[in-house]
N, C-alpha and C. Protein backbone atom coordinates (compact mmCIF):
# COMPACT_ATOMS: atom_id res chain seq x y z
N MET A 1 0.85 -1.16 0.00
CA MET A 1 0.00 0.00 0.00
C MET A 1 0.90 1.23 0.00
N GLU A 2 0.56 2.18 -0.81
CA GLU A 2 1.33 3.42 -0.90
C GLU A 2 0.70 4.48 -0.01
N CYS A 3 1.53 5.24 0.68
CA CYS A 3 1.04 6.26 1.61
C CYS A 3 1.79 7.56 1.38
N HIS A 4 1.06 8.67 1.38
CA HIS A 4 1.67 9.99 1.23
C HIS A 4 1.25 10.86 2.41
N GLN A 5 2.18 11.65 2.88
CA GLN A 5 1.90 12.57 3.99
C GLN A 5 2.33 13.96 3.54
N PHE A 6 1.54 14.95 3.91
CA PHE A 6 1.84 16.32 3.53
C PHE A 6 1.92 17.20 4.78
N ASP A 7 2.77 18.21 4.70
CA ASP A 7 2.89 19.18 5.78
C ASP A 7 2.63 20.55 5.19
N PHE A 8 1.57 21.19 5.63
CA PHE A 8 1.23 22.53 5.17
C PHE A 8 1.73 23.52 6.21
N LYS A 9 2.75 24.28 5.88
CA LYS A 9 3.40 25.15 6.85
C LYS A 9 2.47 26.25 7.38
N THR A 10 1.57 26.72 6.57
CA THR A 10 0.67 27.79 7.01
C THR A 10 -0.79 27.34 6.93
N ALA A 11 -1.03 26.07 7.23
CA ALA A 11 -2.37 25.51 7.07
C ALA A 11 -3.42 26.27 7.87
N PHE A 12 -3.17 26.53 9.13
CA PHE A 12 -4.19 27.15 9.97
C PHE A 12 -4.50 28.57 9.52
N LEU A 13 -3.54 29.24 8.92
CA LEU A 13 -3.77 30.61 8.46
C LEU A 13 -4.72 30.66 7.28
N ASN A 14 -4.96 29.51 6.64
CA ASN A 14 -5.90 29.43 5.51
C ASN A 14 -7.29 28.99 5.95
N ALA A 15 -7.44 28.68 7.21
CA ALA A 15 -8.73 28.21 7.72
C ALA A 15 -9.58 29.40 8.16
N THR A 16 -10.79 29.46 7.64
CA THR A 16 -11.70 30.52 8.05
C THR A 16 -12.39 30.14 9.35
N ILE A 17 -12.73 31.12 10.12
CA ILE A 17 -13.45 30.89 11.37
C ILE A 17 -14.94 30.87 11.04
N PRO A 18 -15.66 29.83 11.47
CA PRO A 18 -17.09 29.71 11.13
C PRO A 18 -17.91 30.88 11.68
N GLU A 19 -19.01 31.15 10.98
CA GLU A 19 -19.93 32.19 11.45
C GLU A 19 -20.46 31.81 12.83
N GLY A 20 -20.66 32.80 13.65
CA GLY A 20 -21.16 32.57 15.01
C GLY A 20 -20.05 32.41 16.03
N LYS A 21 -18.82 32.27 15.56
CA LYS A 21 -17.65 32.17 16.45
C LYS A 21 -16.85 33.46 16.31
N GLU A 22 -16.48 34.04 17.41
CA GLU A 22 -15.70 35.28 17.38
C GLU A 22 -14.51 35.16 18.31
N TYR A 23 -13.35 35.57 17.81
CA TYR A 23 -12.13 35.56 18.60
C TYR A 23 -11.47 36.92 18.43
N TYR A 24 -10.97 37.45 19.53
CA TYR A 24 -10.30 38.75 19.51
C TYR A 24 -8.92 38.59 20.12
N ILE A 25 -7.96 39.32 19.56
CA ILE A 25 -6.60 39.29 20.10
C ILE A 25 -6.09 40.71 20.29
N GLN A 26 -5.16 40.85 21.21
CA GLN A 26 -4.48 42.12 21.38
C GLN A 26 -3.30 42.15 20.42
N PRO A 27 -3.00 43.31 19.83
CA PRO A 27 -1.85 43.37 18.93
C PRO A 27 -0.56 43.15 19.71
N PRO A 28 0.46 42.59 19.06
CA PRO A 28 1.72 42.38 19.75
C PRO A 28 2.37 43.70 20.15
N GLU A 29 3.15 43.65 21.21
CA GLU A 29 3.87 44.85 21.66
C GLU A 29 4.83 45.29 20.56
N GLY A 30 5.04 46.58 20.46
CA GLY A 30 5.96 47.11 19.47
C GLY A 30 5.29 47.43 18.14
N LEU A 31 4.01 47.15 18.02
CA LEU A 31 3.30 47.44 16.79
C LEU A 31 2.89 48.91 16.71
N GLY A 32 2.92 49.58 17.85
CA GLY A 32 2.61 51.00 17.86
C GLY A 32 1.14 51.32 17.98
N LYS A 33 0.33 50.35 18.37
CA LYS A 33 -1.11 50.58 18.54
C LYS A 33 -1.39 50.99 19.99
N PRO A 34 -2.39 51.83 20.20
CA PRO A 34 -2.73 52.25 21.57
C PRO A 34 -3.16 51.07 22.43
N HIS A 35 -2.93 51.20 23.73
CA HIS A 35 -3.33 50.17 24.68
C HIS A 35 -4.85 50.03 24.67
N GLY A 36 -5.35 48.81 24.72
CA GLY A 36 -6.79 48.56 24.75
C GLY A 36 -7.39 48.23 23.39
N ILE A 37 -6.61 48.34 22.33
CA ILE A 37 -7.09 47.99 20.99
C ILE A 37 -7.07 46.47 20.84
N VAL A 38 -8.12 45.90 20.25
CA VAL A 38 -8.16 44.47 19.96
C VAL A 38 -8.56 44.27 18.50
N TYR A 39 -8.18 43.12 17.96
CA TYR A 39 -8.52 42.78 16.58
C TYR A 39 -9.41 41.54 16.57
N LYS A 40 -10.40 41.55 15.69
CA LYS A 40 -11.25 40.38 15.50
C LYS A 40 -10.62 39.51 14.42
N LEU A 41 -10.43 38.24 14.73
CA LEU A 41 -9.81 37.32 13.78
C LEU A 41 -10.79 36.92 12.68
N LYS A 42 -10.31 36.89 11.46
CA LYS A 42 -11.08 36.37 10.33
C LYS A 42 -10.59 34.97 9.95
N ARG A 43 -9.35 34.69 10.30
CA ARG A 43 -8.72 33.41 9.99
C ARG A 43 -8.16 32.83 11.29
N ALA A 44 -8.01 31.51 11.29
CA ALA A 44 -7.47 30.83 12.46
C ALA A 44 -5.98 31.14 12.60
N LEU A 45 -5.49 31.03 13.80
CA LEU A 45 -4.08 31.25 14.09
C LEU A 45 -3.51 30.03 14.80
N TYR A 46 -2.21 29.84 14.68
CA TYR A 46 -1.55 28.82 15.49
C TYR A 46 -1.68 29.23 16.94
N GLY A 47 -1.95 28.28 17.80
CA GLY A 47 -2.14 28.58 19.22
C GLY A 47 -3.60 28.65 19.61
N LEU A 48 -4.48 28.85 18.64
CA LEU A 48 -5.91 28.85 18.90
C LEU A 48 -6.35 27.39 18.98
N ARG A 49 -6.94 27.00 20.08
CA ARG A 49 -7.26 25.60 20.33
C ARG A 49 -8.11 24.97 19.23
N GLN A 50 -9.00 25.73 18.64
CA GLN A 50 -9.91 25.19 17.63
C GLN A 50 -9.36 25.23 16.21
N SER A 51 -8.17 25.76 16.01
CA SER A 51 -7.59 25.90 14.67
C SER A 51 -7.54 24.59 13.88
N PRO A 52 -7.14 23.46 14.48
CA PRO A 52 -7.10 22.23 13.68
C PRO A 52 -8.46 21.83 13.10
N ILE A 53 -9.50 21.95 13.87
CA ILE A 53 -10.83 21.57 13.37
C ILE A 53 -11.32 22.56 12.33
N TYR A 54 -11.00 23.85 12.49
CA TYR A 54 -11.39 24.84 11.49
C TYR A 54 -10.66 24.57 10.18
N TRP A 55 -9.41 24.14 10.25
CA TRP A 55 -8.66 23.83 9.04
C TRP A 55 -9.27 22.59 8.38
N LEU A 56 -9.62 21.59 9.16
CA LEU A 56 -10.24 20.39 8.59
C LEU A 56 -11.56 20.72 7.90
N ILE A 57 -12.37 21.56 8.51
CA ILE A 57 -13.64 21.98 7.91
C ILE A 57 -13.39 22.70 6.59
N THR A 58 -12.32 23.47 6.52
CA THR A 58 -11.99 24.22 5.30
C THR A 58 -11.46 23.32 4.20
N VAL A 59 -10.59 22.37 4.53
CA VAL A 59 -9.89 21.59 3.52
C VAL A 59 -10.62 20.30 3.15
N LYS A 60 -11.48 19.78 4.01
CA LYS A 60 -12.15 18.50 3.74
C LYS A 60 -12.94 18.51 2.43
N PRO A 61 -13.73 19.53 2.13
CA PRO A 61 -14.45 19.53 0.84
C PRO A 61 -13.51 19.50 -0.37
N VAL A 62 -12.37 20.14 -0.26
CA VAL A 62 -11.40 20.14 -1.36
C VAL A 62 -10.84 18.74 -1.56
N ILE A 63 -10.47 18.09 -0.46
CA ILE A 63 -9.91 16.74 -0.53
C ILE A 63 -10.95 15.76 -1.08
N GLU A 64 -12.18 15.89 -0.63
CA GLU A 64 -13.24 15.00 -1.12
C GLU A 64 -13.56 15.26 -2.58
N ASN A 65 -13.44 16.50 -3.01
CA ASN A 65 -13.72 16.87 -4.40
C ASN A 65 -12.74 16.24 -5.38
N ILE A 66 -11.53 15.95 -4.93
CA ILE A 66 -10.54 15.33 -5.82
C ILE A 66 -10.54 13.80 -5.70
N GLY A 67 -11.55 13.25 -5.00
CA GLY A 67 -11.73 11.81 -5.01
C GLY A 67 -11.35 11.06 -3.74
N PHE A 68 -10.98 11.75 -2.71
CA PHE A 68 -10.64 11.08 -1.46
C PHE A 68 -11.87 11.01 -0.57
N GLU A 69 -11.87 10.07 0.36
CA GLU A 69 -12.95 9.99 1.34
C GLU A 69 -12.35 9.71 2.71
N ALA A 70 -12.97 10.26 3.73
CA ALA A 70 -12.48 10.09 5.10
C ALA A 70 -12.75 8.67 5.57
N LEU A 71 -11.83 8.13 6.34
CA LEU A 71 -12.03 6.81 6.92
C LEU A 71 -13.12 6.88 7.98
N ASP A 72 -13.88 5.80 8.13
CA ASP A 72 -14.91 5.75 9.17
C ASP A 72 -14.29 5.77 10.57
N SER A 73 -13.13 5.16 10.70
CA SER A 73 -12.49 5.06 12.01
C SER A 73 -11.75 6.32 12.43
N ASN A 74 -11.37 7.17 11.45
CA ASN A 74 -10.62 8.39 11.76
C ASN A 74 -10.90 9.41 10.67
N THR A 75 -11.68 10.44 10.99
CA THR A 75 -12.08 11.42 9.98
C THR A 75 -10.94 12.33 9.55
N TYR A 76 -9.76 12.21 10.19
CA TYR A 76 -8.60 13.00 9.81
C TYR A 76 -7.74 12.29 8.77
N LEU A 77 -8.04 11.02 8.48
CA LEU A 77 -7.32 10.26 7.48
C LEU A 77 -8.22 10.04 6.28
N PHE A 78 -7.65 10.13 5.09
CA PHE A 78 -8.41 10.01 3.86
C PHE A 78 -7.84 8.88 3.01
N LYS A 79 -8.70 8.20 2.29
CA LYS A 79 -8.27 7.14 1.37
C LYS A 79 -8.77 7.46 -0.02
N HIS A 80 -8.07 6.91 -1.01
CA HIS A 80 -8.46 7.13 -2.40
C HIS A 80 -8.61 5.80 -3.08
């Protein structure tokens, strides 16, 4: 059986945050923004606990569209 594994270096940054979920962050120090300013995230970030599932929700339709299907035993693994 042949197996391929991929590593997406910026995978979570491509994952959109679902509607109804809101996350806010403070800008990093040294950015020159006034104290108390926060930003609403539009995309997932590394360190956000839900980022892996948001990435899976984003990429799963693409993977399925090219002919792969998720295993019944593990929805994070796909077979072709």
